[in-house]
Amino acid sequence: MTSIIVHPSPLPEVDIPDVTITAHMLRRTAELSDRVAIQDATGSNSYNYQQLSDAIHSLAGGLAARGIAPGKVVGLMAPNLPEYAVVFHGVAVAGGAVTTINPTYGAEEVRHQLQDAGATMLFTVPMFIETAQLAIEGTDVTEIIVIGDAAAGTTSMADVFADPISQVPVDIATHTVVLPYSSGTTGMPKGVMLTHRNLVANIEQCIHAIKYTDDEVALAALPFFHIYGMQVLMNGLIANGVTVVTMPRFDMVEALQAVQDYKITRFFAVPPIIIGLANAPIVDDYDTSSVRQIFSGAAPLGAEIAAEAGARFNCEVVQGFGMTELSPISHCTVEGDCRPGTSGVTVSNTESRIVDPDTGEDQGVGDRGELWVRGPQVMTGYLNNDKATAETIDGDGWLHTGDIAIIDEHGHMTIVDRLKELIKFKGFQVAPAELEALLLTHPKIADVAVIGVPDDAAGEVPKAFVVATAGDTVTIEEIQALVSEHLVSYKQIRQLEVIDVIPKSASGKILRKELRVR
């Protein structure tokens, strides 16, 4: 039997309180009642801690009266705005689960998620009412609630508020409170079952790495439907007394204006945004002296870009590593201990292993292998998908990330390659299997494989290798038209190569490694 080599966290252990995520987020309400908890960047909409707590518990009362209770799932399809936290936690207090949906999805993608999650109610904003009404056809959703002005056949959120209730009892260790969707390491998007304990644990696990002081303000332009925005920004910041300034989508000028106006101290980003911060001339037109740290996640950030952005903002540019399945953080750079190009150290109460994917042998310091993670932040599994769960989490509780990494002599982890098939376009997950299934419906396509190819601006872009049906030719324009009709824009095929045969193993599995070599 081979020996197991565990790389423990160098950070102190933390206590994980036995509370719900809502109680944890609102834990400082009495002390900070008048402080702004969350507001939008225009300054037109804000909640202090007391108002946020009151709104959450009042919405929970209205939801409970409408039948939301343990076992019920509510869809939330909205851009970042202060009410996102009200809906998310109103559902949680009522004992339900939220499934967070990308608001730029088309109706088919939304419908798939609503059906798979078993949602019975959907929250959205006026801009997406039409998509919502199309998406609920054939689902169990009986009511669309609009954050703002309702349309015919929908309900205004203002009409749902009722007498406040306290938390409906749930088992915080096993009760699924949120169902974000992730493609994991392969395949179609799957519901990731995260408990109150998962979310609370991960906020606490980062306290020795991200050290918030009093009177901090953070920019939240990264989407709350994504685990990074949801947990690190919305829940984690408010829990730590940080004022959150929301933006519905990232805009460089608006973001810089917000930094200047609100004296932003924490700027959370993904690599494409940091490339912009390093290079855009307009940055020099704004006062960014308040920024203490720029934090990058969702995809690896090059050391050179980090250094350029850091020099420009005169602050640390650091990164962490996570996955939806990890609530999301497993590795994080400790303030003042940045090693360029690395994702930092294993966070508190977490263990890492580096395992050779070919031999199954554990690797020591400086050797490469697949990163495995174990800790209280690991999901309970994928909804309705025991097979995918078993392929991702082994019998000893180790989550196999699908990323090839090394851990150096300082305990810092660096992602060096990818075992998983997933494509990361500007930090968003694109599952090759989803694109391949769609492209095979095209009458001119006999066979297809999709991989990610490196791109300076986006990180990776989807490239399709296509075998045309006999006597046909197929163009990238025809493929892009098909994808535009069915899928969100970031899943678009950006490159096409027509080939004679897709390389496959004896079992019929696409040999993507051979396509990458091309």
Protein backbone atom coordinates (compact mmCIF):
# COMPACT_ATOMS: atom_id res chain seq x y z
CA MET A 1 0.00 0.00 0.00
CA THR A 2 1.33 3.44 -0.95
CA SER A 3 1.79 6.02 1.77
CA ILE A 4 -0.55 9.01 1.92
CA ILE A 5 1.14 12.41 1.97
CA VAL A 6 -1.17 15.04 3.46
CA HIS A 7 -0.31 18.73 3.10
CA PRO A 8 -2.04 20.32 6.12
CA SER A 9 -2.98 23.96 6.47
CA PRO A 10 -0.21 26.10 8.01
CA LEU A 11 -2.94 28.37 9.45
CA PRO A 12 -4.48 27.99 12.93
CA GLU A 13 -7.59 25.85 13.32
CA VAL A 14 -10.85 27.80 13.65
CA ASP A 15 -14.06 27.13 15.54
CA ILE A 16 -17.07 26.69 13.28
CA PRO A 17 -20.19 27.95 15.04
CA ASP A 18 -23.28 25.75 15.00
CA VAL A 19 -25.54 28.32 13.29
CA THR A 20 -27.36 28.91 10.01
CA ILE A 21 -25.72 30.97 7.27
CA THR A 22 -28.28 33.76 7.84
CA ALA A 23 -27.57 33.94 11.57
CA HIS A 24 -23.86 34.01 10.76
CA MET A 25 -24.18 36.75 8.15
CA LEU A 26 -26.31 38.88 10.50
CA ARG A 27 -24.29 38.11 13.66
CA ARG A 28 -23.14 41.74 14.07
CA THR A 29 -26.54 43.36 13.51
CA ALA A 30 -26.99 44.59 17.10
CA GLU A 31 -23.49 46.10 17.14
CA LEU A 32 -23.58 47.60 13.61
CA SER A 33 -27.33 48.26 13.26
CA ASP A 34 -26.92 51.66 11.52
CA ARG A 35 -23.96 50.71 9.32
CA VAL A 36 -24.74 50.15 5.63
CA ALA A 37 -24.58 46.41 4.98
CA ILE A 38 -25.33 46.46 1.26
CA GLN A 39 -26.10 49.15 -1.29
CA ASP A 40 -25.96 49.62 -5.02
CA ALA A 41 -23.24 51.67 -6.71
CA THR A 42 -25.72 54.38 -7.80
CA GLY A 43 -26.47 55.12 -4.15
CA SER A 44 -30.22 54.83 -4.77
CA ASN A 45 -30.84 51.61 -2.85
CA SER A 46 -29.34 50.53 0.46
CA TYR A 47 -29.96 48.53 3.62
CA ASN A 48 -28.24 49.00 6.94
CA TYR A 49 -27.73 45.90 9.08
CA GLN A 50 -31.00 46.32 10.98
CA GLN A 51 -33.02 47.00 7.82
CA LEU A 52 -31.47 43.98 6.12
CA SER A 53 -32.32 41.72 9.05
CA ASP A 54 -35.88 43.07 9.21
CA ALA A 55 -36.44 42.64 5.46
CA ILE A 56 -35.08 39.07 5.46
CA HIS A 57 -37.30 37.92 8.32
CA SER A 58 -40.35 39.72 6.93
CA LEU A 59 -39.87 38.14 3.49
CA ALA A 60 -39.40 34.77 5.19
CA GLY A 61 -42.82 35.21 6.82
CA GLY A 62 -44.42 35.90 3.46
CA LEU A 63 -42.65 32.96 1.82
CA ALA A 64 -43.68 30.59 4.60
CA ALA A 65 -47.29 31.70 4.11
CA ARG A 66 -46.89 30.77 0.43
CA GLY A 67 -45.71 27.27 1.28
CA ILE A 68 -41.95 27.69 1.21
CA ALA A 69 -40.59 25.30 3.85
CA PRO A 70 -37.92 22.61 4.22
CA GLY A 71 -37.85 20.55 1.03
CA LYS A 72 -38.96 23.44 -1.19
CA VAL A 73 -36.67 25.12 -3.74
CA VAL A 74 -36.86 28.73 -4.96
CA GLY A 75 -35.12 29.95 -8.13
CA LEU A 76 -33.34 33.32 -8.00
CA MET A 77 -32.47 34.85 -11.37
CA ALA A 78 -31.24 38.40 -10.93
CA PRO A 79 -28.18 40.61 -11.36
CA ASN A 80 -26.38 41.87 -8.26
CA LEU A 81 -28.57 44.21 -6.26
CA PRO A 82 -29.18 44.65 -2.52
CA GLU A 83 -32.42 42.62 -2.64
CA TYR A 84 -30.43 39.57 -3.73
CA ALA A 85 -29.36 39.10 -0.10
CA VAL A 86 -32.94 39.65 1.10
CA VAL A 87 -34.34 36.92 -1.17
CA PHE A 88 -31.47 34.48 -0.62
CA HIS A 89 -31.76 34.68 3.15
CA GLY A 90 -35.54 35.06 3.25
CA VAL A 91 -35.77 31.64 1.62
CA ALA A 92 -33.13 30.26 4.01
CA VAL A 93 -34.99 31.52 7.11
CA ALA A 94 -38.22 29.92 5.79
CA GLY A 95 -36.30 26.63 5.61
CA GLY A 96 -36.15 26.43 1.83
CA ALA A 97 -33.25 26.15 -0.59
CA VAL A 98 -32.26 28.70 -3.21
CA THR A 99 -31.03 27.72 -6.66
CA THR A 100 -29.11 30.69 -8.08
CA ILE A 101 -29.53 31.14 -11.84
CA ASN A 102 -27.41 33.11 -14.29
CA PRO A 103 -29.72 35.96 -15.40
CA THR A 104 -28.17 36.04 -18.88
CA TYR A 105 -29.25 32.44 -19.55
CA GLY A 106 -31.80 31.74 -22.25
CA ALA A 107 -35.16 30.18 -21.39
CA GLU A 108 -34.00 26.63 -22.19
CA GLU A 109 -31.04 26.81 -19.81
CA VAL A 110 -33.20 28.34 -17.07
CA ARG A 111 -35.87 25.67 -17.59
CA HIS A 112 -33.33 22.86 -17.28
CA GLN A 113 -32.12 24.23 -13.94
CA LEU A 114 -35.64 24.83 -12.57
CA GLN A 115 -36.70 21.31 -13.55
CA ASP A 116 -33.58 19.62 -12.19
CA ALA A 117 -33.71 21.56 -8.90
CA GLY A 118 -37.46 21.03 -8.52
CA ALA A 119 -38.15 24.75 -7.98
CA THR A 120 -41.74 25.85 -7.28
CA MET A 121 -41.17 29.63 -7.25
CA LEU A 122 -38.92 31.99 -9.23
CA PHE A 123 -37.66 35.46 -8.27
CA THR A 124 -36.43 37.74 -11.04
CA VAL A 125 -36.24 41.42 -12.07
CA PRO A 126 -38.36 43.30 -14.64
CA MET A 127 -35.72 42.95 -17.37
CA PHE A 128 -35.94 39.15 -17.29
CA ILE A 129 -39.70 38.61 -16.85
CA GLU A 130 -40.13 37.47 -20.46
CA THR A 131 -37.36 34.86 -20.15
CA ALA A 132 -38.79 33.74 -16.82
CA GLN A 133 -42.28 33.26 -18.25
CA LEU A 134 -40.93 31.15 -21.11
CA ALA A 135 -38.63 29.19 -18.80
CA ILE A 136 -41.28 28.04 -16.30
CA GLU A 137 -43.27 26.17 -18.99
CA GLY A 138 -43.12 22.48 -18.12
CA THR A 139 -41.68 23.10 -14.63
CA ASP A 140 -43.22 23.01 -11.14
CA VAL A 141 -42.93 26.81 -10.81
CA THR A 142 -46.35 28.28 -10.03
CA GLU A 143 -45.39 31.88 -9.25
CA ILE A 144 -42.94 34.45 -10.60
CA ILE A 145 -42.06 37.14 -8.07
CA VAL A 146 -40.52 40.33 -9.42
CA ILE A 147 -37.99 42.43 -7.51
CA GLY A 148 -39.52 45.70 -8.71
CA ASP A 149 -42.59 46.38 -10.85
CA ALA A 150 -44.57 43.24 -11.67
CA ALA A 151 -46.11 42.46 -15.05
CA ALA A 152 -49.37 40.65 -15.79
CA GLY A 153 -49.30 37.16 -14.31
CA THR A 154 -46.47 37.95 -11.90
CA THR A 155 -46.30 39.15 -8.28
CA SER A 156 -44.35 42.12 -6.95
CA MET A 157 -41.89 41.24 -4.18
CA ALA A 158 -43.33 44.20 -2.23
CA ASP A 159 -46.59 42.23 -1.90
CA VAL A 160 -44.88 39.16 -0.42
CA PHE A 161 -43.52 40.77 2.76
CA ALA A 162 -45.51 39.76 5.85
CA ASP A 163 -45.15 39.47 9.62
CA PRO A 164 -41.58 38.43 10.36
CA ILE A 165 -40.74 34.90 11.44
CA SER A 166 -37.64 33.49 13.08
CA GLN A 167 -35.55 30.71 11.53
CA VAL A 168 -37.54 27.58 10.69
CA PRO A 169 -35.61 24.73 12.39
CA VAL A 170 -33.29 22.79 10.06
CA ASP A 171 -30.34 20.43 10.53
CA ILE A 172 -27.53 22.79 9.63
CA ALA A 173 -25.09 19.94 8.89
CA THR A 174 -27.31 18.19 6.33
CA HIS A 175 -29.90 20.73 5.16
CA THR A 176 -29.21 22.02 1.65
CA VAL A 177 -29.59 25.80 1.74
CA VAL A 178 -28.30 26.61 -1.75
CA LEU A 179 -28.08 24.79 -5.07
CA PRO A 180 -25.70 26.62 -7.41
CA TYR A 181 -25.01 24.74 -10.64
CA SER A 182 -21.53 23.59 -11.66
CA SER A 183 -20.16 21.31 -14.34
CA GLY A 184 -17.75 19.82 -11.81
CA THR A 185 -14.85 18.24 -13.70
CA THR A 186 -16.90 16.92 -16.62
CA GLY A 187 -20.34 16.78 -18.16
CA MET A 188 -23.47 18.89 -17.92
CA PRO A 189 -24.18 21.45 -15.15
CA LYS A 190 -25.24 19.77 -11.90
CA GLY A 191 -26.84 21.09 -8.72
CA VAL A 192 -24.22 21.39 -5.98
CA MET A 193 -25.77 20.67 -2.57
CA LEU A 194 -24.29 23.08 -0.03
CA THR A 195 -25.42 23.13 3.59
CA HIS A 196 -25.56 25.89 6.19
CA ARG A 197 -22.48 24.25 7.76
CA ASN A 198 -20.57 24.32 4.45
CA LEU A 199 -21.17 28.05 3.99
CA VAL A 200 -20.54 29.09 7.60
CA ALA A 201 -17.41 26.95 7.76
CA ASN A 202 -15.89 28.49 4.65
CA ILE A 203 -16.39 32.05 5.88
CA GLU A 204 -14.63 31.18 9.13
CA GLN A 205 -11.89 29.16 7.40
CA CYS A 206 -10.67 32.33 5.68
CA ILE A 207 -10.31 34.57 8.73
CA HIS A 208 -6.56 33.99 9.05
CA ALA A 209 -6.00 34.75 5.36
CA ILE A 210 -8.34 37.67 4.60
CA LYS A 211 -8.12 40.01 7.56
CA TYR A 212 -10.87 42.61 7.46
CA THR A 213 -10.59 45.67 9.67
CA ASP A 214 -13.37 48.00 10.75
CA ASP A 215 -14.99 50.45 8.29
CA GLU A 216 -14.08 48.52 5.14
CA VAL A 217 -15.98 48.82 1.86
CA ALA A 218 -15.88 46.25 -0.94
CA LEU A 219 -16.94 46.35 -4.57
CA ALA A 220 -19.25 43.49 -5.59
CA ALA A 221 -19.34 43.38 -9.38
CA LEU A 222 -18.80 39.62 -9.60
CA PRO A 223 -22.17 37.86 -9.92
CA PHE A 224 -23.90 36.66 -6.75
CA PHE A 225 -25.36 33.68 -8.66
CA HIS A 226 -21.78 32.35 -8.89
CA ILE A 227 -20.31 30.84 -5.71
CA TYR A 228 -17.43 33.38 -5.58
CA GLY A 229 -19.82 36.35 -5.56
CA MET A 230 -22.37 34.62 -3.35
CA GLN A 231 -20.02 33.48 -0.61
CA VAL A 232 -16.86 35.57 -0.62
CA LEU A 233 -18.63 38.84 -1.46
CA MET A 234 -22.27 38.75 -0.31
CA ASN A 235 -22.28 36.41 2.70
CA GLY A 236 -18.64 36.67 3.74
CA LEU A 237 -18.30 40.44 3.58
CA ILE A 238 -21.53 41.23 5.41
CA ALA A 239 -20.68 38.64 8.09
CA ASN A 240 -17.40 40.49 8.65
CA GLY A 241 -18.94 43.95 8.93
CA VAL A 242 -17.82 45.09 5.47
CA THR A 243 -20.14 47.36 3.47
CA VAL A 244 -20.93 45.76 0.10
CA VAL A 245 -21.37 48.00 -2.96
CA THR A 246 -23.16 46.10 -5.73
CA MET A 247 -22.95 46.50 -9.49
CA PRO A 248 -25.32 44.62 -11.83
CA ARG A 249 -22.42 43.89 -14.18
CA PHE A 250 -18.77 44.87 -14.36
CA ASP A 251 -18.13 48.15 -16.17
CA MET A 252 -14.62 49.59 -15.92
CA VAL A 253 -15.67 53.24 -15.72
CA GLU A 254 -18.50 52.62 -13.25
CA ALA A 255 -16.24 50.41 -11.11
CA LEU A 256 -13.50 53.05 -10.96
CA GLN A 257 -16.09 55.72 -10.15
CA ALA A 258 -17.37 53.54 -7.30
CA VAL A 259 -13.83 53.02 -5.99
CA GLN A 260 -13.35 56.79 -5.91
CA ASP A 261 -16.81 57.67 -4.52
CA TYR A 262 -17.09 55.01 -1.83
CA LYS A 263 -13.38 54.68 -0.94
CA ILE A 264 -13.41 50.98 -1.81
CA THR A 265 -10.82 49.04 0.21
CA ARG A 266 -11.35 45.55 -1.30
CA PHE A 267 -11.63 44.91 -5.02
CA PHE A 268 -12.63 41.34 -5.89
CA ALA A 269 -12.00 40.36 -9.49
CA VAL A 270 -11.29 37.66 -12.06
CA PRO A 271 -8.21 37.65 -14.33
CA PRO A 272 -9.81 39.45 -17.35
CA ILE A 273 -10.78 42.36 -15.07
CA ILE A 274 -7.27 42.52 -13.61
CA ILE A 275 -5.79 42.60 -17.14
CA GLY A 276 -7.99 45.66 -17.70
CA LEU A 277 -6.92 47.27 -14.42
CA ALA A 278 -3.26 46.73 -15.38
CA ASN A 279 -3.60 48.12 -18.90
CA ALA A 280 -6.54 50.55 -19.28
CA PRO A 281 -5.33 54.19 -19.52
CA ILE A 282 -8.57 55.41 -17.85
CA VAL A 283 -7.47 53.97 -14.48
CA ASP A 284 -5.16 56.98 -14.07
CA ASP A 285 -8.18 59.35 -14.18
CA TYR A 286 -9.53 58.10 -10.84
CA ASP A 287 -8.41 58.19 -7.21
CA THR A 288 -7.85 54.53 -6.32
CA SER A 289 -5.66 55.17 -3.26
CA SER A 290 -8.22 53.60 -0.89
CA VAL A 291 -7.77 50.11 -2.37
CA ARG A 292 -5.83 47.92 0.08
CA GLN A 293 -6.07 44.64 -1.79
CA ILE A 294 -7.18 43.26 -5.14
CA PHE A 295 -8.25 39.63 -4.84
CA SER A 296 -8.43 37.35 -7.88
CA GLY A 297 -10.22 34.04 -8.19
CA ALA A 298 -12.19 31.74 -10.57
CA ALA A 299 -9.15 31.12 -12.85
CA PRO A 300 -5.34 31.25 -12.53
CA LEU A 301 -3.78 34.73 -12.68
CA GLY A 302 -0.34 35.21 -14.23
CA ALA A 303 2.36 36.66 -11.96
CA GLU A 304 3.27 39.41 -14.46
CA ILE A 305 -0.28 40.76 -14.76
CA ALA A 306 -0.67 40.66 -10.98
CA ALA A 307 2.56 42.64 -10.58
CA GLU A 308 1.50 45.25 -13.17
CA ALA A 309 -1.90 45.78 -11.55
CA GLY A 310 -0.32 45.86 -8.08
CA ALA A 311 2.17 48.52 -9.12
CA ARG A 312 -0.59 50.61 -10.67
CA PHE A 313 -2.82 50.46 -7.57
CA ASN A 314 0.03 50.41 -5.07
CA CYS A 315 -1.46 47.40 -3.27
CA GLU A 316 -1.23 43.62 -3.07
CA VAL A 317 -2.84 41.64 -5.89
CA VAL A 318 -3.39 38.16 -4.53
CA GLN A 319 -5.30 35.07 -5.53
CA GLY A 320 -7.08 32.11 -4.10
CA PHE A 321 -8.37 28.80 -5.41
CA GLY A 322 -11.81 27.36 -5.08
CA MET A 323 -14.69 25.47 -6.66
CA THR A 324 -18.44 25.65 -6.27
CA GLU A 325 -18.12 22.18 -4.70
CA LEU A 326 -15.84 23.70 -2.01
CA SER A 327 -18.15 26.54 -0.88
CA PRO A 328 -15.78 27.78 -2.55
CA ILE A 329 -12.33 28.40 -1.00
CA SER A 330 -9.70 25.74 -0.29
CA HIS A 331 -6.56 27.86 -0.84
CA CYS A 332 -5.98 31.55 -0.21
CA THR A 333 -3.10 34.01 -0.05
CA VAL A 334 -2.49 35.33 3.44
CA GLU A 335 -2.15 39.12 3.54
CA GLY A 336 1.52 40.06 3.45
CA ASP A 337 2.61 36.58 2.30
CA CYS A 338 2.03 36.81 -1.45
CA ARG A 339 4.14 34.55 -3.67
CA PRO A 340 3.53 35.61 -7.29
CA GLY A 341 1.68 33.10 -9.42
CA THR A 342 0.53 30.93 -6.52
CA SER A 343 -2.99 30.56 -5.12
CA GLY A 344 -1.77 30.78 -1.55
CA VAL A 345 -1.89 28.20 1.22
CA THR A 346 -4.43 25.61 2.31
CA VAL A 347 -7.03 27.40 4.47
CA SER A 348 -7.77 26.52 8.09
CA ASN A 349 -9.37 23.14 8.95
CA THR A 350 -8.49 21.83 5.48
CA GLU A 351 -6.12 19.16 4.16
CA SER A 352 -4.64 18.86 0.66
CA ARG A 353 -3.11 15.99 -1.26
CA ILE A 354 -1.29 15.97 -4.60
CA VAL A 355 -1.95 12.64 -6.34
CA ASP A 356 -0.45 11.35 -9.61
CA PRO A 357 -3.56 10.71 -11.77
CA ASP A 358 -1.85 7.85 -13.64
CA THR A 359 -0.35 5.90 -10.72
CA GLY A 360 -2.51 7.01 -7.79
CA GLU A 361 0.71 7.75 -5.84
CA ASP A 362 0.81 10.71 -3.47
CA GLN A 363 3.33 13.39 -4.39
CA GLY A 364 5.60 15.33 -2.08
CA VAL A 365 6.67 18.97 -2.02
CA GLY A 366 7.27 20.43 -5.50
CA ASP A 367 5.88 17.44 -7.42
CA ARG A 368 2.83 17.72 -9.64
CA GLY A 369 -0.42 15.79 -9.45
CA GLU A 370 -4.17 16.22 -9.09
CA LEU A 371 -5.20 18.40 -6.15
CA TRP A 372 -7.44 16.61 -3.65
CA VAL A 373 -9.12 18.54 -0.82
CA ARG A 374 -10.83 17.49 2.40
CA GLY A 375 -12.56 19.74 4.93
CA PRO A 376 -15.90 21.00 6.25
CA GLN A 377 -16.45 23.10 3.11
CA VAL A 378 -16.79 20.04 0.82
CA MET A 379 -20.30 19.76 -0.64
CA THR A 380 -22.60 16.92 0.41
CA GLY A 381 -22.90 15.92 -3.26
CA TYR A 382 -24.58 16.61 -6.60
CA LEU A 383 -28.37 16.74 -6.65
CA ASN A 384 -29.99 13.68 -8.29
CA ASN A 385 -26.58 12.40 -9.40
CA ASP A 386 -24.98 9.77 -7.16
CA LYS A 387 -22.66 8.66 -9.96
CA ALA A 388 -21.10 12.09 -10.44
CA THR A 389 -20.86 12.51 -6.66
CA ALA A 390 -18.98 9.22 -6.28
CA GLU A 391 -16.62 10.20 -9.11
CA THR A 392 -15.81 13.49 -7.36
CA ILE A 393 -15.71 12.64 -3.64
CA ASP A 394 -14.07 9.35 -2.63
CA GLY A 395 -14.97 7.11 0.28
CA ASP A 396 -12.54 8.91 2.58
CA GLY A 397 -14.07 12.33 1.91
CA TRP A 398 -11.40 13.65 -0.47
CA LEU A 399 -12.77 15.86 -3.23
CA HIS A 400 -10.87 15.34 -6.49
CA THR A 401 -10.65 18.80 -8.06
CA GLY A 402 -9.59 17.86 -11.60
CA ASP A 403 -6.82 20.47 -11.43
CA ILE A 404 -3.12 19.58 -11.65
CA ALA A 405 -1.14 21.44 -9.01
CA ILE A 406 2.09 21.61 -7.04
CA ILE A 407 2.58 22.61 -3.42
CA ASP A 408 5.96 24.25 -2.84
CA GLU A 409 8.26 24.26 0.16
CA HIS A 410 6.43 27.31 1.54
CA GLY A 411 3.09 25.50 1.46
CA HIS A 412 1.85 27.61 -1.45
CA MET A 413 -0.23 25.87 -4.12
CA THR A 414 -0.04 26.62 -7.85
CA ILE A 415 -2.39 25.30 -10.51
CA VAL A 416 -0.21 24.17 -13.42
CA ASP A 417 -2.57 22.24 -15.70
CA ARG A 418 -6.05 20.82 -15.98
CA LEU A 419 -7.14 17.22 -15.76
CA LYS A 420 -10.79 18.18 -16.04
CA GLU A 421 -12.47 18.91 -19.34
CA LEU A 422 -14.05 22.14 -18.16
CA ILE A 423 -13.31 25.33 -20.13
CA LYS A 424 -12.89 28.54 -18.11
CA PHE A 425 -14.00 31.54 -20.23
CA LYS A 426 -13.49 34.77 -18.25
CA GLY A 427 -13.96 32.76 -15.04
CA PHE A 428 -17.24 31.16 -16.19
CA GLN A 429 -17.53 27.41 -16.59
CA VAL A 430 -18.22 26.03 -20.06
CA ALA A 431 -18.87 22.29 -20.22
CA PRO A 432 -17.69 20.70 -23.50
CA ALA A 433 -20.35 17.98 -23.18
CA GLU A 434 -23.14 20.58 -23.25
CA LEU A 435 -21.80 22.18 -26.44
CA GLU A 436 -21.12 18.82 -28.09
CA ALA A 437 -24.67 17.61 -27.43
CA LEU A 438 -26.07 20.77 -29.01
CA LEU A 439 -23.73 20.77 -32.04
CA LEU A 440 -24.62 17.14 -32.84
CA THR A 441 -28.18 18.33 -33.54
CA HIS A 442 -26.87 20.29 -36.56
CA PRO A 443 -27.67 18.39 -39.79
CA LYS A 444 -24.23 19.09 -41.25
CA ILE A 445 -22.29 17.74 -38.23
CA ALA A 446 -21.53 14.01 -38.00
CA ASP A 447 -19.24 14.16 -34.95
CA VAL A 448 -17.76 16.86 -32.74
CA ALA A 449 -15.41 17.52 -29.83
CA VAL A 450 -14.94 20.79 -27.95
CA ILE A 451 -11.86 21.88 -25.98
CA GLY A 452 -10.58 25.08 -24.41
CA VAL A 453 -7.67 26.82 -26.08
CA PRO A 454 -5.55 29.48 -24.34
CA ASP A 455 -6.52 33.11 -24.88
CA ASP A 456 -4.79 36.16 -23.38
CA ALA A 457 -7.96 38.13 -22.67
CA ALA A 458 -10.43 35.37 -21.73
CA GLY A 459 -8.13 32.72 -20.25
CA GLU A 460 -9.58 30.07 -22.54
CA VAL A 461 -12.04 30.05 -25.44
CA PRO A 462 -14.14 27.12 -26.72
CA LYS A 463 -12.86 25.53 -29.93
CA ALA A 464 -14.87 22.93 -31.85
CA PHE A 465 -13.37 20.09 -33.88
CA VAL A 466 -16.05 18.99 -36.31
CA VAL A 467 -16.49 16.04 -38.67
CA ALA A 468 -18.89 17.17 -41.39
CA THR A 469 -21.58 14.84 -42.75
CA ALA A 470 -20.75 13.32 -46.15
CA GLY A 471 -20.84 15.90 -48.93
CA ASP A 472 -21.37 18.85 -46.56
CA THR A 473 -19.24 21.74 -45.42
CA VAL A 474 -19.93 23.54 -42.16
CA THR A 475 -18.92 27.12 -41.25
CA ILE A 476 -18.25 28.77 -37.91
CA GLU A 477 -21.10 31.19 -38.65
CA GLU A 478 -23.58 28.29 -38.91
CA ILE A 479 -22.31 26.84 -35.63
CA GLN A 480 -22.42 30.19 -33.86
CA ALA A 481 -26.00 30.77 -35.01
CA LEU A 482 -27.04 27.46 -33.45
CA VAL A 483 -25.26 28.16 -30.16
CA SER A 484 -26.70 31.71 -29.97
CA GLU A 485 -30.20 30.30 -30.27
CA HIS A 486 -29.86 27.91 -27.33
CA LEU A 487 -27.08 28.94 -24.94
CA VAL A 488 -25.74 31.96 -23.07
CA SER A 489 -23.18 34.05 -24.99
CA TYR A 490 -20.07 33.05 -23.02
CA LYS A 491 -20.55 29.43 -24.18
CA GLN A 492 -20.16 30.50 -27.82
CA ILE A 493 -17.73 28.59 -30.06
CA ARG A 494 -14.89 31.00 -30.90
CA GLN A 495 -12.76 28.72 -33.12
CA LEU A 496 -13.55 25.89 -35.56
CA GLU A 497 -11.44 23.19 -37.16
CA VAL A 498 -12.98 20.65 -39.55
CA ILE A 499 -11.22 17.27 -39.28
CA ASP A 500 -11.71 13.77 -40.70
CA VAL A 501 -12.18 11.88 -37.44
CA ILE A 502 -12.51 12.69 -33.72
CA PRO A 503 -9.83 10.73 -31.78
CA LYS A 504 -11.45 8.41 -29.25
CA SER A 505 -10.44 5.67 -26.82
CA ALA A 506 -11.56 2.06 -27.20
CA SER A 507 -14.48 2.85 -24.88
CA GLY A 508 -15.55 5.76 -27.08
CA LYS A 509 -14.26 8.56 -24.83
CA ILE A 510 -12.99 11.63 -26.67
CA LEU A 511 -9.20 11.93 -26.40
CA ARG A 512 -9.06 15.67 -25.76
CA LYS A 513 -5.35 15.51 -24.99
CA GLU A 514 -4.69 14.57 -28.64
CA LEU A 515 -6.82 17.48 -29.82
CA ARG A 516 -4.89 19.86 -27.56
CA VAL A 517 -1.61 18.63 -29.05
CA ARG A 518 -2.86 19.65 -32.52
